[in-house]
């Protein structure tokens, strides 16, 4: 079984930054797409773990590891920063007590 490799970004694109059909004009859809990418990368990491145990470190495993590292080194921190700067403040300012508690929990998790 070959390790599925995440799609490679084109040019200087950051993986996880945009998904087809989402953009800054649809900020929550874009954040949801980023969250879906995190889940896909975690699933790829799990498949990589199994692959390494059963087949060892081959070219496919090395490419999957590079894709995972690139995503979590580049796109994931930008996603967290975007939430911290543009999503959490208005929710804290205008949110009800339950929303504020949830946002504060997310802020602690980001730390």
Protein backbone atom coordinates (compact mmCIF):
# COMPACT_ATOMS: atom_id res chain seq x y z
CA UNK A 1 0.00 0.00 0.00
CA UNK A 2 1.46 3.31 -1.05
CA UNK A 3 1.32 6.33 1.27
CA UNK A 4 -1.02 8.93 -0.19
CA UNK A 5 0.88 12.14 -0.77
CA UNK A 6 -0.83 15.47 -0.25
CA UNK A 7 -1.18 17.61 -3.37
CA UNK A 8 1.90 19.69 -3.97
CA UNK A 9 1.43 23.47 -3.95
CA UNK A 10 2.17 25.41 -7.11
CA UNK A 11 4.95 28.00 -7.07
CA UNK A 12 5.21 29.82 -3.76
CA UNK A 13 1.71 28.83 -2.66
CA UNK A 14 1.38 27.83 0.96
CA UNK A 15 -0.45 24.53 1.45
CA UNK A 16 -3.70 25.03 3.30
CA UNK A 17 -3.99 28.70 2.45
CA UNK A 18 -6.80 28.45 -0.10
CA UNK A 19 -9.19 25.79 -1.19
CA UNK A 20 -11.16 25.78 -4.43
CA UNK A 21 -14.20 27.99 -4.10
CA UNK A 22 -13.13 29.69 -0.89
CA UNK A 23 -11.34 32.92 -0.27
CA UNK A 24 -11.27 36.07 1.79
CA UNK A 25 -14.77 36.96 0.62
CA UNK A 26 -15.93 33.79 2.46
CA UNK A 27 -13.76 33.88 5.60
CA UNK A 28 -15.54 31.20 7.62
CA UNK A 29 -15.65 28.82 4.67
CA UNK A 30 -11.93 29.42 4.20
CA UNK A 31 -11.26 28.68 7.89
CA UNK A 32 -13.35 25.53 7.65
CA UNK A 33 -11.33 24.42 4.62
CA UNK A 34 -8.15 25.00 6.64
CA UNK A 35 -9.53 22.88 9.48
CA UNK A 36 -10.37 20.13 7.00
CA UNK A 37 -6.77 20.26 5.73
CA UNK A 38 -5.47 19.86 9.27
CA UNK A 39 -7.58 16.71 9.62
CA UNK A 40 -6.33 15.40 6.26
CA UNK A 41 -2.72 16.03 7.27
CA UNK A 42 -3.26 14.22 10.58
CA UNK A 43 -4.79 11.29 8.68
CA UNK A 44 -1.79 11.29 6.34
CA UNK A 45 0.51 11.30 9.36
CA UNK A 46 -1.30 8.25 10.73
CA UNK A 47 -1.01 6.46 7.37
CA UNK A 48 2.67 7.40 7.27
CA UNK A 49 3.18 5.85 10.71
CA UNK A 50 1.64 2.58 9.54
CA UNK A 51 3.60 2.69 6.28
CA UNK A 52 6.88 3.17 8.14
CA UNK A 53 6.12 0.22 10.40
CA UNK A 54 5.19 -2.09 7.54
CA UNK A 55 7.30 -0.93 4.58
CA UNK A 56 10.00 1.24 6.05
CA UNK A 57 11.26 4.60 4.89
CA UNK A 58 10.98 4.71 1.11
CA UNK A 59 10.59 7.60 -1.34
CA UNK A 60 6.84 7.71 -0.85
CA UNK A 61 7.23 7.96 2.94
CA UNK A 62 9.86 10.68 2.63
CA UNK A 63 7.59 12.74 0.34
CA UNK A 64 4.61 12.32 2.68
CA UNK A 65 6.79 13.42 5.62
CA UNK A 66 7.97 16.50 3.67
CA UNK A 67 4.37 17.42 2.82
CA UNK A 68 3.25 17.05 6.44
CA UNK A 69 6.17 19.10 7.77
CA UNK A 70 5.67 21.81 5.20
CA UNK A 71 1.99 22.11 6.05
CA UNK A 72 2.54 22.32 9.80
CA UNK A 73 5.59 24.59 9.46
CA UNK A 74 3.97 27.09 7.08
CA UNK A 75 0.20 26.98 6.69
CA UNK A 76 -0.88 25.95 10.18
CA UNK A 77 0.86 28.87 11.96
CA UNK A 78 -0.65 31.33 9.47
CA UNK A 79 -4.08 29.84 10.10
CA UNK A 80 -3.69 30.24 13.86
CA UNK A 81 -2.47 33.80 13.41
CA UNK A 82 -5.47 34.61 11.22
CA UNK A 83 -7.85 33.28 13.86
CA UNK A 84 -6.05 35.18 16.63
CA UNK A 85 -6.09 38.48 14.71
CA UNK A 86 -9.35 38.41 12.75
CA UNK A 87 -11.76 35.87 14.20
CA UNK A 88 -11.33 35.79 17.97
CA UNK A 89 -11.39 39.55 18.77
CA UNK A 90 -14.83 40.26 17.27
CA UNK A 91 -16.25 37.10 18.83
CA UNK A 92 -14.90 38.11 22.23
CA UNK A 93 -16.22 41.63 21.83
CA UNK A 94 -19.72 40.75 20.65
CA UNK A 95 -20.16 37.17 21.83
CA UNK A 96 -22.39 35.86 24.55
CA UNK A 97 -20.87 34.17 27.62
CA UNK A 98 -20.84 30.72 25.98
CA UNK A 99 -19.09 32.04 22.86
CA UNK A 100 -16.56 33.98 24.95
CA UNK A 101 -15.78 30.84 26.99
CA UNK A 102 -15.30 28.81 23.80
CA UNK A 103 -13.01 31.43 22.24
CA UNK A 104 -10.96 31.65 25.43
CA UNK A 105 -10.56 27.87 25.39
CA UNK A 106 -9.41 28.01 21.76
CA UNK A 107 -6.92 30.73 22.63
CA UNK A 108 -5.47 28.54 25.40
CA UNK A 109 -5.25 25.61 22.95
CA UNK A 110 -3.41 27.81 20.45
CA UNK A 111 -0.84 28.61 23.12
